[in-house]
Amino acid sequence: MDVTLQGSEAVVLAITEVKPRTIDRALALLENARPAQSGCAGVWRTDAGALNQIISLWTASDQADAVRKSSDVLSSLNDIRVGGRLLKLTAAPFSPPLLPRRLGGIYEFRFYTFRPKSFAGIVDRWRGAIGQRLEFSPLLGVWCEEGASVDELVHAWAYEDANAWQSVRREVMARGVWPPPATAESSGALLRQTSVMALPASFSPIR
């Protein structure tokens, strides 16, 4: 299965936390701001894990333009925004392009914090395993924000529903397909792991 990166666009992931009980209003505001016309690749609302969050992915020809586009659209949420963060991402060579399409009804976004300069080693370990993993569910992407103090790795997978998510996780672990085998070095570099389940917005280009 071909998992070669097809483009070189800059990618930004924004996590926007809004006030409790305002998530539907937030999504309506975003839809009216027409994010798809501003380089938005996808919009999701968290459903389990961290709540009241909107995850959005943005692409542009360069990182500064992706940041500007995301900031312009997400400013429509300023009145109900209570927090968030922006990740300027580098895609793994096998990360698929962020093209409009339907991948699944529910997505798992996993956020890993590594010691700095870990990304190249992760790519090397994952490269040989990712093709077999793709036989079980679609990959939205694998990206990293490389910093001076830590590397923030993000990988996201699509599933038909929550039952499929549980079934796939059990099967890939039982077969030894995923996760890729850890080394002493990679285990020592991993500092933190978090995960959220998210539902695509009705207007999201990727669903």
C-alpha atoms as a PDB file:
ATOM      1  CA  MET A   1       0.000   0.000   0.000  1.00  0.00           C
ATOM      2  CA  ASP A   2       1.400   3.390  -1.020  1.00  0.00           C
ATOM      3  CA  VAL A   3       1.846   5.707   1.952  1.00  0.00           C
ATOM      4  CA  THR A   4       4.163   8.224   0.303  1.00  0.00           C
ATOM      5  CA  LEU A   5       3.498  11.874   1.072  1.00  0.00           C
ATOM      6  CA  GLN A   6       1.900  13.480  -1.978  1.00  0.00           C
ATOM      7  CA  GLY A   7       2.403  17.177  -1.164  1.00  0.00           C
ATOM      8  CA  SER A   8       4.557  19.644   0.699  1.00  0.00           C
ATOM      9  CA  GLU A   9       1.966  21.955   2.231  1.00  0.00           C
ATOM     10  CA  ALA A  10       2.506  23.407   5.676  1.00  0.00           C
ATOM     11  CA  VAL A  11       0.158  21.988   8.325  1.00  0.00           C
ATOM     12  CA  VAL A  12      -1.165  23.650  11.473  1.00  0.00           C
ATOM     13  CA  LEU A  13      -3.310  21.911  14.090  1.00  0.00           C
ATOM     14  CA  ALA A  14      -5.380  24.139  16.344  1.00  0.00           C
ATOM     15  CA  ILE A  15      -7.008  22.970  19.569  1.00  0.00           C
ATOM     16  CA  THR A  16      -9.644  25.455  20.693  1.00  0.00           C
ATOM     17  CA  GLU A  17     -11.336  24.987  24.053  1.00  0.00           C
ATOM     18  CA  VAL A  18     -14.679  26.717  24.480  1.00  0.00           C
ATOM     19  CA  LYS A  19     -16.951  27.297  27.453  1.00  0.00           C
ATOM     20  CA  PRO A  20     -19.082  24.334  28.574  1.00  0.00           C
ATOM     21  CA  ARG A  21     -22.384  24.023  26.711  1.00  0.00           C
ATOM     22  CA  THR A  22     -21.230  26.226  23.837  1.00  0.00           C
ATOM     23  CA  ILE A  23     -19.782  23.598  21.492  1.00  0.00           C
ATOM     24  CA  ASP A  24     -22.801  23.636  19.141  1.00  0.00           C
ATOM     25  CA  ARG A  25     -22.684  27.421  18.992  1.00  0.00           C
ATOM     26  CA  ALA A  26     -18.956  27.285  18.326  1.00  0.00           C
ATOM     27  CA  LEU A  27     -19.415  24.922  15.394  1.00  0.00           C
ATOM     28  CA  ALA A  28     -22.186  27.097  13.960  1.00  0.00           C
ATOM     29  CA  LEU A  29     -19.909  30.139  14.159  1.00  0.00           C
ATOM     30  CA  LEU A  30     -17.138  28.243  12.408  1.00  0.00           C
ATOM     31  CA  GLU A  31     -19.440  27.015   9.666  1.00  0.00           C
ATOM     32  CA  ASN A  32     -20.591  30.588   9.007  1.00  0.00           C
ATOM     33  CA  ALA A  33     -16.932  31.666   8.807  1.00  0.00           C
ATOM     34  CA  ARG A  34     -16.535  29.270   5.853  1.00  0.00           C
ATOM     35  CA  PRO A  35     -13.328  27.604   7.033  1.00  0.00           C
ATOM     36  CA  ALA A  36     -13.031  25.380   3.950  1.00  0.00           C
ATOM     37  CA  GLN A  37     -12.415  28.511   1.872  1.00  0.00           C
ATOM     38  CA  SER A  38      -9.538  29.473   4.181  1.00  0.00           C
ATOM     39  CA  GLY A  39      -7.387  26.379   3.877  1.00  0.00           C
ATOM     40  CA  CYS A  40      -9.161  24.340   6.550  1.00  0.00           C
ATOM     41  CA  ALA A  41      -8.717  20.617   5.950  1.00  0.00           C
ATOM     42  CA  GLY A  42     -10.952  19.390   8.763  1.00  0.00           C
ATOM     43  CA  VAL A  43     -12.885  20.259  11.930  1.00  0.00           C
ATOM     44  CA  TRP A  44     -13.723  17.876  14.790  1.00  0.00           C
ATOM     45  CA  ARG A  45     -15.408  18.158  18.175  1.00  0.00           C
ATOM     46  CA  THR A  46     -14.027  16.102  21.030  1.00  0.00           C
ATOM     47  CA  ASP A  47     -16.388  13.453  22.355  1.00  0.00           C
ATOM     48  CA  ALA A  48     -14.290  11.604  24.954  1.00  0.00           C
ATOM     49  CA  GLY A  49     -11.143  12.562  26.796  1.00  0.00           C
ATOM     50  CA  ALA A  50     -10.742  16.340  26.944  1.00  0.00           C
ATOM     51  CA  LEU A  51     -14.196  17.877  26.449  1.00  0.00           C
ATOM     52  CA  ASN A  52     -15.426  21.151  24.935  1.00  0.00           C
ATOM     53  CA  GLN A  53     -12.591  21.228  22.437  1.00  0.00           C
ATOM     54  CA  ILE A  54     -12.542  21.787  18.687  1.00  0.00           C
ATOM     55  CA  ILE A  55      -9.658  20.317  16.712  1.00  0.00           C
ATOM     56  CA  SER A  56      -9.002  21.883  13.322  1.00  0.00           C
ATOM     57  CA  LEU A  57      -6.346  21.234  10.680  1.00  0.00           C
ATOM     58  CA  TRP A  58      -5.134  23.940   8.296  1.00  0.00           C
ATOM     59  CA  THR A  59      -2.905  23.818   5.238  1.00  0.00           C
ATOM     60  CA  ALA A  60      -1.121  26.490   3.231  1.00  0.00           C
ATOM     61  CA  SER A  61       1.973  26.966   1.124  1.00  0.00           C
ATOM     62  CA  ASP A  62       3.967  28.024   4.189  1.00  0.00           C
ATOM     63  CA  GLN A  63       3.642  27.885   7.963  1.00  0.00           C
ATOM     64  CA  ALA A  64       3.029  31.606   8.467  1.00  0.00           C
ATOM     65  CA  ASP A  65       0.134  31.581   6.009  1.00  0.00           C
ATOM     66  CA  ALA A  66      -1.427  28.516   7.671  1.00  0.00           C
ATOM     67  CA  VAL A  67      -1.203  30.244  11.069  1.00  0.00           C
ATOM     68  CA  ARG A  68      -2.751  33.427   9.687  1.00  0.00           C
ATOM     69  CA  LYS A  69      -5.634  31.591   8.013  1.00  0.00           C
ATOM     70  CA  SER A  70      -6.445  29.552  11.109  1.00  0.00           C
ATOM     71  CA  SER A  71      -6.247  32.604  13.379  1.00  0.00           C
ATOM     72  CA  ASP A  72      -8.551  34.630  11.121  1.00  0.00           C
ATOM     73  CA  VAL A  73     -11.303  31.994  11.128  1.00  0.00           C
ATOM     74  CA  LEU A  74     -10.920  30.903  14.749  1.00  0.00           C
ATOM     75  CA  SER A  75     -11.200  34.519  15.919  1.00  0.00           C
ATOM     76  CA  SER A  76     -14.956  34.052  15.436  1.00  0.00           C
ATOM     77  CA  LEU A  77     -14.840  32.007  18.663  1.00  0.00           C
ATOM     78  CA  ASN A  78     -13.119  34.646  20.797  1.00  0.00           C
ATOM     79  CA  ASP A  79     -16.219  35.373  22.922  1.00  0.00           C
ATOM     80  CA  ILE A  80     -16.548  31.758  24.049  1.00  0.00           C
ATOM     81  CA  ARG A  81     -12.950  30.613  23.845  1.00  0.00           C
ATOM     82  CA  VAL A  82     -11.307  29.704  27.166  1.00  0.00           C
ATOM     83  CA  GLY A  83      -8.033  28.173  26.012  1.00  0.00           C
ATOM     84  CA  GLY A  84      -6.181  26.191  23.403  1.00  0.00           C
ATOM     85  CA  ARG A  85      -2.947  25.813  21.544  1.00  0.00           C
ATOM     86  CA  LEU A  86      -1.535  25.852  18.043  1.00  0.00           C
ATOM     87  CA  LEU A  87       0.910  23.244  16.712  1.00  0.00           C
ATOM     88  CA  LYS A  88       3.066  24.013  13.665  1.00  0.00           C
ATOM     89  CA  LEU A  89       3.551  20.575  12.209  1.00  0.00           C
ATOM     90  CA  THR A  90       5.923  18.677   9.982  1.00  0.00           C
ATOM     91  CA  ALA A  91       4.370  15.663   8.265  1.00  0.00           C
ATOM     92  CA  ALA A  92       5.988  12.240   8.326  1.00  0.00           C
ATOM     93  CA  PRO A  93       6.984  11.058   4.809  1.00  0.00           C
ATOM     94  CA  PHE A  94       4.205   8.460   4.898  1.00  0.00           C
ATOM     95  CA  SER A  95       1.507  10.857   6.132  1.00  0.00           C
ATOM     96  CA  PRO A  96      -1.284  11.074   3.506  1.00  0.00           C
ATOM     97  CA  PRO A  97      -2.300  14.404   1.947  1.00  0.00           C
ATOM     98  CA  LEU A  98      -5.111  16.276   3.691  1.00  0.00           C
ATOM     99  CA  LEU A  99      -7.619  16.089   0.843  1.00  0.00           C
ATOM    100  CA  PRO A 100     -11.411  16.358   1.267  1.00  0.00           C
ATOM    101  CA  ARG A 101     -12.872  12.878   1.695  1.00  0.00           C
ATOM    102  CA  ARG A 102     -14.820  10.678   4.068  1.00  0.00           C
ATOM    103  CA  LEU A 103     -12.655   8.468   6.264  1.00  0.00           C
ATOM    104  CA  GLY A 104     -14.890   7.532   9.208  1.00  0.00           C
ATOM    105  CA  GLY A 105     -17.512   8.453  11.740  1.00  0.00           C
ATOM    106  CA  ILE A 106     -15.141   8.843  14.679  1.00  0.00           C
ATOM    107  CA  TYR A 107     -11.454   9.733  14.973  1.00  0.00           C
ATOM    108  CA  GLU A 108      -8.814   9.133  17.600  1.00  0.00           C
ATOM    109  CA  PHE A 109      -6.212  11.880  17.992  1.00  0.00           C
ATOM    110  CA  ARG A 110      -3.165  10.799  19.965  1.00  0.00           C
ATOM    111  CA  PHE A 111      -0.674  13.336  21.319  1.00  0.00           C
ATOM    112  CA  TYR A 112       2.760  12.158  22.425  1.00  0.00           C
ATOM    113  CA  THR A 113       5.475  14.287  24.002  1.00  0.00           C
ATOM    114  CA  PHE A 114       9.051  13.158  23.331  1.00  0.00           C
ATOM    115  CA  ARG A 115      12.445  14.455  24.209  1.00  0.00           C
ATOM    116  CA  PRO A 116      13.772  16.760  21.469  1.00  0.00           C
ATOM    117  CA  LYS A 117      15.197  15.396  18.224  1.00  0.00           C
ATOM    118  CA  SER A 118      13.104  12.203  18.443  1.00  0.00           C
ATOM    119  CA  PHE A 119      11.044  12.596  15.268  1.00  0.00           C
ATOM    120  CA  ALA A 120      13.552  11.054  12.841  1.00  0.00           C
ATOM    121  CA  GLY A 121      13.816   7.932  14.995  1.00  0.00           C
ATOM    122  CA  ILE A 122      10.027   7.636  15.214  1.00  0.00           C
ATOM    123  CA  VAL A 123       9.708   7.877  11.429  1.00  0.00           C
ATOM    124  CA  ASP A 124      12.321   5.148  11.005  1.00  0.00           C
ATOM    125  CA  ARG A 125      10.525   2.805  13.440  1.00  0.00           C
ATOM    126  CA  TRP A 126       7.056   3.462  12.055  1.00  0.00           C
ATOM    127  CA  ARG A 127       7.944   3.335   8.371  1.00  0.00           C
ATOM    128  CA  GLY A 128       8.096  -0.443   8.219  1.00  0.00           C
ATOM    129  CA  ALA A 129       4.891  -0.989  10.231  1.00  0.00           C
ATOM    130  CA  ILE A 130       2.541   1.682   8.936  1.00  0.00           C
ATOM    131  CA  GLY A 131       1.532  -0.148   5.744  1.00  0.00           C
ATOM    132  CA  GLN A 132       0.240  -3.184   7.622  1.00  0.00           C
ATOM    133  CA  ARG A 133      -1.526  -0.948  10.150  1.00  0.00           C
ATOM    134  CA  LEU A 134      -3.382   0.781   7.298  1.00  0.00           C
ATOM    135  CA  GLU A 135      -5.068  -2.516   6.430  1.00  0.00           C
ATOM    136  CA  PHE A 136      -7.214  -2.102   9.554  1.00  0.00           C
ATOM    137  CA  SER A 137      -8.315   1.557   9.519  1.00  0.00           C
ATOM    138  CA  PRO A 138      -7.508   4.779   7.636  1.00  0.00           C
ATOM    139  CA  LEU A 139      -4.748   7.107   8.772  1.00  0.00           C
ATOM    140  CA  LEU A 140      -5.559  10.815   8.912  1.00  0.00           C
ATOM    141  CA  GLY A 141      -1.946  11.759   9.471  1.00  0.00           C
ATOM    142  CA  VAL A 142       1.295  11.627  11.447  1.00  0.00           C
ATOM    143  CA  TRP A 143       2.912  14.961  12.257  1.00  0.00           C
ATOM    144  CA  CYS A 144       5.395  16.477  14.657  1.00  0.00           C
ATOM    145  CA  GLU A 145       6.144  19.903  16.078  1.00  0.00           C
ATOM    146  CA  GLU A 146       9.861  19.861  16.741  1.00  0.00           C
ATOM    147  CA  GLY A 147      10.897  22.200  19.548  1.00  0.00           C
ATOM    148  CA  ALA A 148      13.979  23.100  21.536  1.00  0.00           C
ATOM    149  CA  SER A 149      12.717  21.391  24.698  1.00  0.00           C
ATOM    150  CA  VAL A 150      10.337  18.665  23.414  1.00  0.00           C
ATOM    151  CA  ASP A 151       8.900  17.119  20.251  1.00  0.00           C
ATOM    152  CA  GLU A 152       5.092  16.945  20.077  1.00  0.00           C
ATOM    153  CA  LEU A 153       3.951  14.010  17.946  1.00  0.00           C
ATOM    154  CA  VAL A 154       0.354  13.824  16.712  1.00  0.00           C
ATOM    155  CA  HIS A 155      -1.170  10.849  14.934  1.00  0.00           C
ATOM    156  CA  ALA A 156      -4.834  10.454  14.098  1.00  0.00           C
ATOM    157  CA  TRP A 157      -6.863   7.483  12.862  1.00  0.00           C
ATOM    158  CA  ALA A 158     -10.396   7.137  11.512  1.00  0.00           C
ATOM    159  CA  TYR A 159     -12.950   4.465  12.426  1.00  0.00           C
ATOM    160  CA  GLU A 160     -16.512   3.772  11.400  1.00  0.00           C
ATOM    161  CA  ASP A 161     -17.717   4.007  14.997  1.00  0.00           C
ATOM    162  CA  ALA A 162     -16.616   3.435  18.600  1.00  0.00           C
ATOM    163  CA  ASN A 163     -17.145  -0.326  18.317  1.00  0.00           C
ATOM    164  CA  ALA A 164     -14.805  -0.452  15.303  1.00  0.00           C
ATOM    165  CA  TRP A 165     -12.204   1.555  17.238  1.00  0.00           C
ATOM    166  CA  GLN A 166     -12.202  -0.964  20.077  1.00  0.00           C
ATOM    167  CA  SER A 167     -12.223  -3.948  17.721  1.00  0.00           C
ATOM    168  CA  VAL A 168      -9.330  -2.653  15.612  1.00  0.00           C
ATOM    169  CA  ARG A 169      -7.223  -1.777  18.650  1.00  0.00           C
ATOM    170  CA  ARG A 170      -7.682  -5.271  20.077  1.00  0.00           C
ATOM    171  CA  GLU A 171      -6.845  -6.950  16.775  1.00  0.00           C
ATOM    172  CA  VAL A 172      -3.721  -4.954  15.864  1.00  0.00           C
ATOM    173  CA  MET A 173      -2.307  -5.436  19.355  1.00  0.00           C
ATOM    174  CA  ALA A 174      -3.110  -9.152  19.417  1.00  0.00           C
ATOM    175  CA  ARG A 175      -1.442  -9.657  16.025  1.00  0.00           C
ATOM    176  CA  GLY A 176       1.566  -7.540  16.956  1.00  0.00           C
ATOM    177  CA  VAL A 177       0.843  -5.138  14.094  1.00  0.00           C
ATOM    178  CA  TRP A 178       0.715  -1.981  16.203  1.00  0.00           C
ATOM    179  CA  PRO A 179       2.260  -0.193  17.955  1.00  0.00           C
ATOM    180  CA  PRO A 180       5.711  -0.648  16.397  1.00  0.00           C
ATOM    181  CA  PRO A 181       8.180  -2.368  18.742  1.00  0.00           C
ATOM    182  CA  ALA A 182       9.794   0.073  21.143  1.00  0.00           C
ATOM    183  CA  THR A 183      13.504   0.311  21.740  1.00  0.00           C
ATOM    184  CA  ALA A 184      15.225   1.267  24.975  1.00  0.00           C
ATOM    185  CA  GLU A 185      16.048   4.604  23.383  1.00  0.00           C
ATOM    186  CA  SER A 186      12.488   5.309  22.217  1.00  0.00           C
ATOM    187  CA  SER A 187      11.009   4.286  25.570  1.00  0.00           C
ATOM    188  CA  GLY A 188      13.349   6.659  27.355  1.00  0.00           C
ATOM    189  CA  ALA A 189      12.480   9.509  24.997  1.00  0.00           C
ATOM    190  CA  LEU A 190       8.688   9.231  25.482  1.00  0.00           C
ATOM    191  CA  LEU A 191       7.522  11.621  28.225  1.00  0.00           C
ATOM    192  CA  ARG A 192       3.720  11.820  27.960  1.00  0.00           C
ATOM    193  CA  GLN A 193       0.732  10.375  26.074  1.00  0.00           C
ATOM    194  CA  THR A 194      -2.836  11.656  25.779  1.00  0.00           C
ATOM    195  CA  SER A 195      -5.722  10.669  23.533  1.00  0.00           C
ATOM    196  CA  VAL A 196      -9.113  12.099  22.572  1.00  0.00           C
ATOM    197  CA  MET A 197     -11.977  10.738  20.518  1.00  0.00           C
ATOM    198  CA  ALA A 198     -13.501  13.298  18.168  1.00  0.00           C
ATOM    199  CA  LEU A 199     -16.433  13.543  15.768  1.00  0.00           C
ATOM    200  CA  PRO A 200     -16.143  15.352  12.428  1.00  0.00           C
ATOM    201  CA  ALA A 201     -18.251  18.470  12.008  1.00  0.00           C
ATOM    202  CA  SER A 202     -20.981  18.281   9.354  1.00  0.00           C
ATOM    203  CA  PHE A 203     -19.127  20.907   7.282  1.00  0.00           C
ATOM    204  CA  SER A 204     -15.660  19.410   7.699  1.00  0.00           C
ATOM    205  CA  PRO A 205     -13.933  18.792   4.336  1.00  0.00           C
ATOM    206  CA  ILE A 206     -12.469  15.581   5.790  1.00  0.00           C
ATOM    207  CA  ARG A 207     -15.177  13.510   7.491  1.00  0.00           C
END
